N, C-alpha and C. Protein backbone atom coordinates (compact mmCIF):
# COMPACT_ATOMS: atom_id res chain seq x y z
N MET A 1 0.85 -1.16 0.00
CA MET A 1 0.00 0.00 0.00
C MET A 1 0.90 1.23 0.00
N ASN A 2 0.54 2.18 -0.83
CA ASN A 2 1.28 3.43 -0.87
C ASN A 2 0.78 4.35 0.24
N LEU A 3 1.72 5.04 0.83
CA LEU A 3 1.40 6.02 1.87
C LEU A 3 1.55 7.43 1.29
N ALA A 4 0.91 8.38 1.97
CA ALA A 4 0.97 9.76 1.51
C ALA A 4 2.39 10.31 1.64
N GLU A 5 3.12 9.84 2.65
CA GLU A 5 4.49 10.33 2.88
C GLU A 5 5.29 9.25 3.59
N PRO A 6 6.62 9.30 3.49
CA PRO A 6 7.45 8.33 4.21
C PRO A 6 7.24 8.45 5.73
N LEU A 7 7.49 7.36 6.42
CA LEU A 7 7.25 7.32 7.87
C LEU A 7 8.54 7.51 8.65
N ASP A 8 8.41 8.14 9.84
CA ASP A 8 9.59 8.20 10.69
C ASP A 8 9.73 6.88 11.42
N ASP A 9 10.87 6.67 12.08
CA ASP A 9 11.16 5.38 12.70
C ASP A 9 10.16 5.01 13.79
N GLU A 10 9.70 5.98 14.56
CA GLU A 10 8.78 5.69 15.66
C GLU A 10 7.45 5.15 15.13
N ILE A 11 6.88 5.80 14.12
CA ILE A 11 5.62 5.32 13.55
C ILE A 11 5.82 4.01 12.82
N ARG A 12 6.97 3.84 12.18
CA ARG A 12 7.27 2.58 11.49
C ARG A 12 7.26 1.40 12.48
N LYS A 13 7.90 1.58 13.64
CA LYS A 13 7.90 0.53 14.66
C LYS A 13 6.51 0.28 15.20
N LEU A 14 5.76 1.34 15.40
CA LEU A 14 4.39 1.22 15.92
C LEU A 14 3.50 0.45 14.93
N ILE A 15 3.62 0.79 13.66
CA ILE A 15 2.83 0.11 12.63
C ILE A 15 3.19 -1.38 12.58
N THR A 16 4.49 -1.67 12.56
CA THR A 16 4.93 -3.07 12.48
C THR A 16 4.41 -3.85 13.67
N SER A 17 4.56 -3.33 14.89
CA SER A 17 4.11 -4.09 16.06
C SER A 17 2.59 -4.22 16.09
N SER A 18 1.87 -3.17 15.69
CA SER A 18 0.41 -3.21 15.70
C SER A 18 -0.12 -4.23 14.70
N LEU A 19 0.47 -4.27 13.52
CA LEU A 19 0.00 -5.19 12.50
C LEU A 19 0.36 -6.64 12.84
N LEU A 20 1.55 -6.86 13.37
CA LEU A 20 1.96 -8.22 13.72
C LEU A 20 1.14 -8.80 14.85
N LYS A 21 0.50 -7.98 15.64
CA LYS A 21 -0.37 -8.45 16.73
C LYS A 21 -1.71 -8.95 16.20
N MET A 22 -2.05 -8.56 14.97
CA MET A 22 -3.33 -8.94 14.39
C MET A 22 -3.29 -10.39 13.91
N MET A 23 -4.38 -11.11 14.18
CA MET A 23 -4.48 -12.49 13.75
C MET A 23 -4.48 -12.54 12.22
N GLY A 24 -3.64 -13.39 11.67
CA GLY A 24 -3.58 -13.56 10.23
C GLY A 24 -2.45 -12.83 9.55
N VAL A 25 -1.85 -11.83 10.22
CA VAL A 25 -0.73 -11.08 9.63
C VAL A 25 0.53 -11.89 9.85
N GLN A 26 1.23 -12.17 8.76
CA GLN A 26 2.43 -12.99 8.83
C GLN A 26 3.72 -12.19 8.70
N GLU A 27 3.68 -11.12 7.91
CA GLU A 27 4.90 -10.34 7.68
C GLU A 27 4.53 -8.90 7.32
N VAL A 28 5.37 -7.96 7.82
CA VAL A 28 5.17 -6.55 7.50
C VAL A 28 6.51 -6.01 7.01
N ILE A 29 6.48 -5.39 5.84
CA ILE A 29 7.67 -4.75 5.26
C ILE A 29 7.33 -3.30 4.96
N ILE A 30 8.12 -2.41 5.55
CA ILE A 30 7.90 -0.96 5.33
C ILE A 30 9.18 -0.41 4.69
N GLU A 31 9.00 0.12 3.48
CA GLU A 31 10.11 0.72 2.76
C GLU A 31 9.65 2.07 2.23
N LYS A 32 10.36 3.10 2.62
CA LYS A 32 10.08 4.47 2.17
C LYS A 32 8.58 4.78 2.37
N GLY A 33 7.85 5.01 1.31
CA GLY A 33 6.44 5.36 1.42
C GLY A 33 5.51 4.21 1.10
N ARG A 34 5.95 2.97 1.35
CA ARG A 34 5.11 1.81 1.04
C ARG A 34 5.08 0.84 2.24
N VAL A 35 3.94 0.21 2.42
CA VAL A 35 3.78 -0.83 3.42
C VAL A 35 3.33 -2.09 2.72
N GLY A 36 4.08 -3.16 2.90
CA GLY A 36 3.72 -4.46 2.34
C GLY A 36 3.36 -5.40 3.46
N VAL A 37 2.23 -6.07 3.35
CA VAL A 37 1.77 -6.97 4.41
C VAL A 37 1.42 -8.32 3.77
N THR A 38 1.98 -9.38 4.33
CA THR A 38 1.58 -10.73 3.96
C THR A 38 0.59 -11.20 4.99
N TYR A 39 -0.60 -11.63 4.55
CA TYR A 39 -1.65 -11.98 5.48
C TYR A 39 -2.52 -13.09 4.95
N ASP A 40 -3.27 -13.73 5.86
CA ASP A 40 -4.20 -14.79 5.51
C ASP A 40 -5.59 -14.17 5.34
N LEU A 41 -6.11 -14.21 4.11
CA LEU A 41 -7.38 -13.58 3.82
C LEU A 41 -8.53 -14.18 4.61
N LEU A 42 -8.40 -15.43 5.05
CA LEU A 42 -9.46 -16.05 5.84
C LEU A 42 -9.54 -15.46 7.24
N GLN A 43 -8.49 -14.74 7.66
CA GLN A 43 -8.48 -14.17 9.00
C GLN A 43 -8.52 -12.66 9.04
N ILE A 44 -8.11 -12.01 7.98
CA ILE A 44 -8.04 -10.53 7.98
C ILE A 44 -8.11 -10.03 6.54
N THR A 45 -8.60 -8.81 6.36
CA THR A 45 -8.67 -8.22 5.03
C THR A 45 -7.80 -6.97 4.96
N GLU A 46 -7.56 -6.52 3.76
CA GLU A 46 -6.75 -5.30 3.60
C GLU A 46 -7.46 -4.09 4.21
N GLU A 47 -8.78 -4.09 4.15
CA GLU A 47 -9.54 -2.97 4.73
C GLU A 47 -9.29 -2.87 6.24
N GLN A 48 -9.20 -4.01 6.92
CA GLN A 48 -8.91 -4.00 8.35
C GLN A 48 -7.49 -3.54 8.61
N ILE A 49 -6.58 -3.91 7.74
CA ILE A 49 -5.18 -3.47 7.86
C ILE A 49 -5.10 -1.96 7.68
N GLU A 50 -5.83 -1.44 6.69
CA GLU A 50 -5.84 0.00 6.46
C GLU A 50 -6.36 0.78 7.67
N LYS A 51 -7.36 0.24 8.35
CA LYS A 51 -7.89 0.89 9.55
C LYS A 51 -6.82 1.02 10.62
N VAL A 52 -6.03 -0.03 10.80
CA VAL A 52 -4.96 0.02 11.79
C VAL A 52 -3.92 1.07 11.38
N LEU A 53 -3.58 1.09 10.11
CA LEU A 53 -2.62 2.11 9.65
C LEU A 53 -3.10 3.52 9.98
N LEU A 54 -4.37 3.78 9.73
CA LEU A 54 -4.93 5.10 10.01
C LEU A 54 -4.97 5.39 11.52
N GLU A 55 -5.27 4.36 12.32
CA GLU A 55 -5.34 4.55 13.76
C GLU A 55 -3.99 4.92 14.38
N VAL A 56 -2.90 4.39 13.81
CA VAL A 56 -1.59 4.71 14.36
C VAL A 56 -0.95 5.95 13.76
N GLY A 57 -1.65 6.58 12.81
CA GLY A 57 -1.19 7.86 12.32
C GLY A 57 -0.61 7.89 10.91
N ALA A 58 -0.64 6.77 10.20
CA ALA A 58 -0.15 6.76 8.82
C ALA A 58 -1.28 7.24 7.91
N GLN A 59 -0.93 7.98 6.90
CA GLN A 59 -1.90 8.46 5.93
C GLN A 59 -1.72 7.66 4.63
N LEU A 60 -2.80 7.07 4.16
CA LEU A 60 -2.74 6.30 2.91
C LEU A 60 -2.63 7.25 1.74
N GLY A 61 -2.03 6.76 0.65
CA GLY A 61 -1.93 7.55 -0.57
C GLY A 61 -3.30 7.96 -1.05
N GLY A 62 -3.47 9.22 -1.39
CA GLY A 62 -4.79 9.73 -1.76
C GLY A 62 -5.00 9.97 -3.23
N GLY A 63 -4.02 9.61 -4.03
CA GLY A 63 -4.18 9.77 -5.49
C GLY A 63 -5.24 8.84 -6.04
N TRP A 64 -5.74 9.16 -7.22
CA TRP A 64 -6.82 8.36 -7.78
C TRP A 64 -6.35 6.93 -8.04
N LEU A 65 -5.11 6.73 -8.43
CA LEU A 65 -4.60 5.40 -8.69
C LEU A 65 -4.51 4.59 -7.39
N ASP A 66 -4.09 5.22 -6.32
CA ASP A 66 -4.03 4.53 -5.00
C ASP A 66 -5.43 4.13 -4.56
N ARG A 67 -6.37 5.04 -4.69
CA ARG A 67 -7.75 4.73 -4.27
C ARG A 67 -8.36 3.63 -5.14
N LEU A 68 -8.08 3.67 -6.44
CA LEU A 68 -8.57 2.65 -7.35
C LEU A 68 -7.99 1.28 -6.99
N ARG A 69 -6.71 1.23 -6.72
CA ARG A 69 -6.05 -0.02 -6.38
C ARG A 69 -6.64 -0.59 -5.09
N ARG A 70 -6.81 0.25 -4.07
CA ARG A 70 -7.38 -0.25 -2.80
C ARG A 70 -8.79 -0.74 -2.99
N SER A 71 -9.57 -0.03 -3.79
CA SER A 71 -10.95 -0.45 -4.07
C SER A 71 -10.97 -1.78 -4.81
N TRP A 72 -10.07 -1.95 -5.78
CA TRP A 72 -9.99 -3.21 -6.52
C TRP A 72 -9.62 -4.35 -5.60
N VAL A 73 -8.66 -4.13 -4.69
CA VAL A 73 -8.28 -5.19 -3.74
C VAL A 73 -9.45 -5.53 -2.83
N HIS A 74 -10.16 -4.55 -2.32
CA HIS A 74 -11.31 -4.81 -1.46
C HIS A 74 -12.35 -5.67 -2.18
N ASP A 75 -12.66 -5.28 -3.43
CA ASP A 75 -13.64 -6.04 -4.20
C ASP A 75 -13.14 -7.47 -4.50
N SER A 76 -11.88 -7.61 -4.85
CA SER A 76 -11.31 -8.91 -5.14
C SER A 76 -11.34 -9.82 -3.91
N GLU A 77 -11.02 -9.26 -2.77
CA GLU A 77 -11.05 -10.06 -1.55
C GLU A 77 -12.48 -10.49 -1.22
N GLU A 78 -13.42 -9.60 -1.38
CA GLU A 78 -14.82 -9.94 -1.10
C GLU A 78 -15.29 -11.05 -2.03
N ILE A 79 -14.95 -10.95 -3.31
CA ILE A 79 -15.33 -11.99 -4.28
C ILE A 79 -14.69 -13.33 -3.92
N GLU A 80 -13.41 -13.29 -3.57
CA GLU A 80 -12.72 -14.54 -3.21
C GLU A 80 -13.34 -15.17 -1.97
N LEU A 81 -13.65 -14.37 -0.97
CA LEU A 81 -14.28 -14.91 0.24
C LEU A 81 -15.66 -15.46 -0.06
N ASP A 82 -16.43 -14.78 -0.92
CA ASP A 82 -17.76 -15.29 -1.32
C ASP A 82 -17.62 -16.62 -2.05
N ASN A 83 -16.65 -16.72 -2.92
CA ASN A 83 -16.43 -17.95 -3.66
C ASN A 83 -16.03 -19.11 -2.72
N LEU A 84 -15.22 -18.82 -1.75
CA LEU A 84 -14.81 -19.84 -0.80
C LEU A 84 -15.98 -20.33 0.05
N ALA A 85 -16.94 -19.42 0.31
CA ALA A 85 -18.09 -19.78 1.15
C ALA A 85 -19.20 -20.45 0.35
N ALA A 86 -19.14 -20.38 -0.97
CA ALA A 86 -20.23 -20.95 -1.80
C ALA A 86 -20.17 -22.47 -1.75
N PRO A 87 -21.35 -23.09 -1.79
CA PRO A 87 -21.36 -24.56 -1.83
C PRO A 87 -20.80 -25.05 -3.17
N PRO A 88 -20.26 -26.26 -3.18
CA PRO A 88 -19.71 -26.77 -4.43
C PRO A 88 -20.83 -26.97 -5.47
N ALA A 89 -20.47 -26.82 -6.71
CA ALA A 89 -21.44 -27.02 -7.79
C ALA A 89 -21.86 -28.47 -7.83
N PRO A 90 -23.14 -28.72 -8.12
CA PRO A 90 -23.59 -30.12 -8.18
C PRO A 90 -22.91 -30.84 -9.35
N ARG A 91 -22.60 -32.11 -9.12
CA ARG A 91 -21.99 -32.91 -10.17
C ARG A 91 -23.08 -33.60 -10.95
N ARG A 92 -22.91 -33.60 -12.21
CA ARG A 92 -23.85 -34.27 -13.10
C ARG A 92 -23.20 -35.55 -13.60
N ASN A 93 -23.60 -36.65 -13.06
CA ASN A 93 -23.03 -37.94 -13.49
C ASN A 93 -23.91 -38.57 -14.55
N ARG A 94 -23.72 -38.10 -15.76
CA ARG A 94 -24.45 -38.64 -16.89
C ARG A 94 -23.48 -39.38 -17.79
N PRO A 95 -23.96 -40.45 -18.38
CA PRO A 95 -23.07 -41.12 -19.32
C PRO A 95 -22.89 -40.26 -20.57
N PRO A 96 -21.75 -40.38 -21.23
CA PRO A 96 -21.54 -39.60 -22.44
C PRO A 96 -22.53 -40.01 -23.52
N PRO A 97 -22.87 -39.10 -24.42
CA PRO A 97 -23.81 -39.42 -25.48
C PRO A 97 -23.34 -40.62 -26.29
N GLY A 98 -24.28 -41.51 -26.59
CA GLY A 98 -23.97 -42.68 -27.39
C GLY A 98 -23.43 -43.86 -26.61
N ALA A 99 -23.34 -43.73 -25.30
CA ALA A 99 -22.78 -44.83 -24.50
C ALA A 99 -23.84 -45.82 -24.09
């Protein structure tokens, strides 16, 4: 995720510790004005991660491309979770034509 500005060391440490305390977060990498998080979608979403970033004082990138990317990720995660929760498609055990 792009941030509005690079973080100082104090906020960087606070973000890292806050995110690593969350269930499902496996790794946090902060470089310059970007935060990378490896997480388990079944336990946490990017939207929840963004809320923690805002709570500790980080400002997310506000450009249209940043907002579009975050929106796309939110929608993709929602679709993936819906697909995982959907019952399996019924199997049609029909013999092949002419058999």
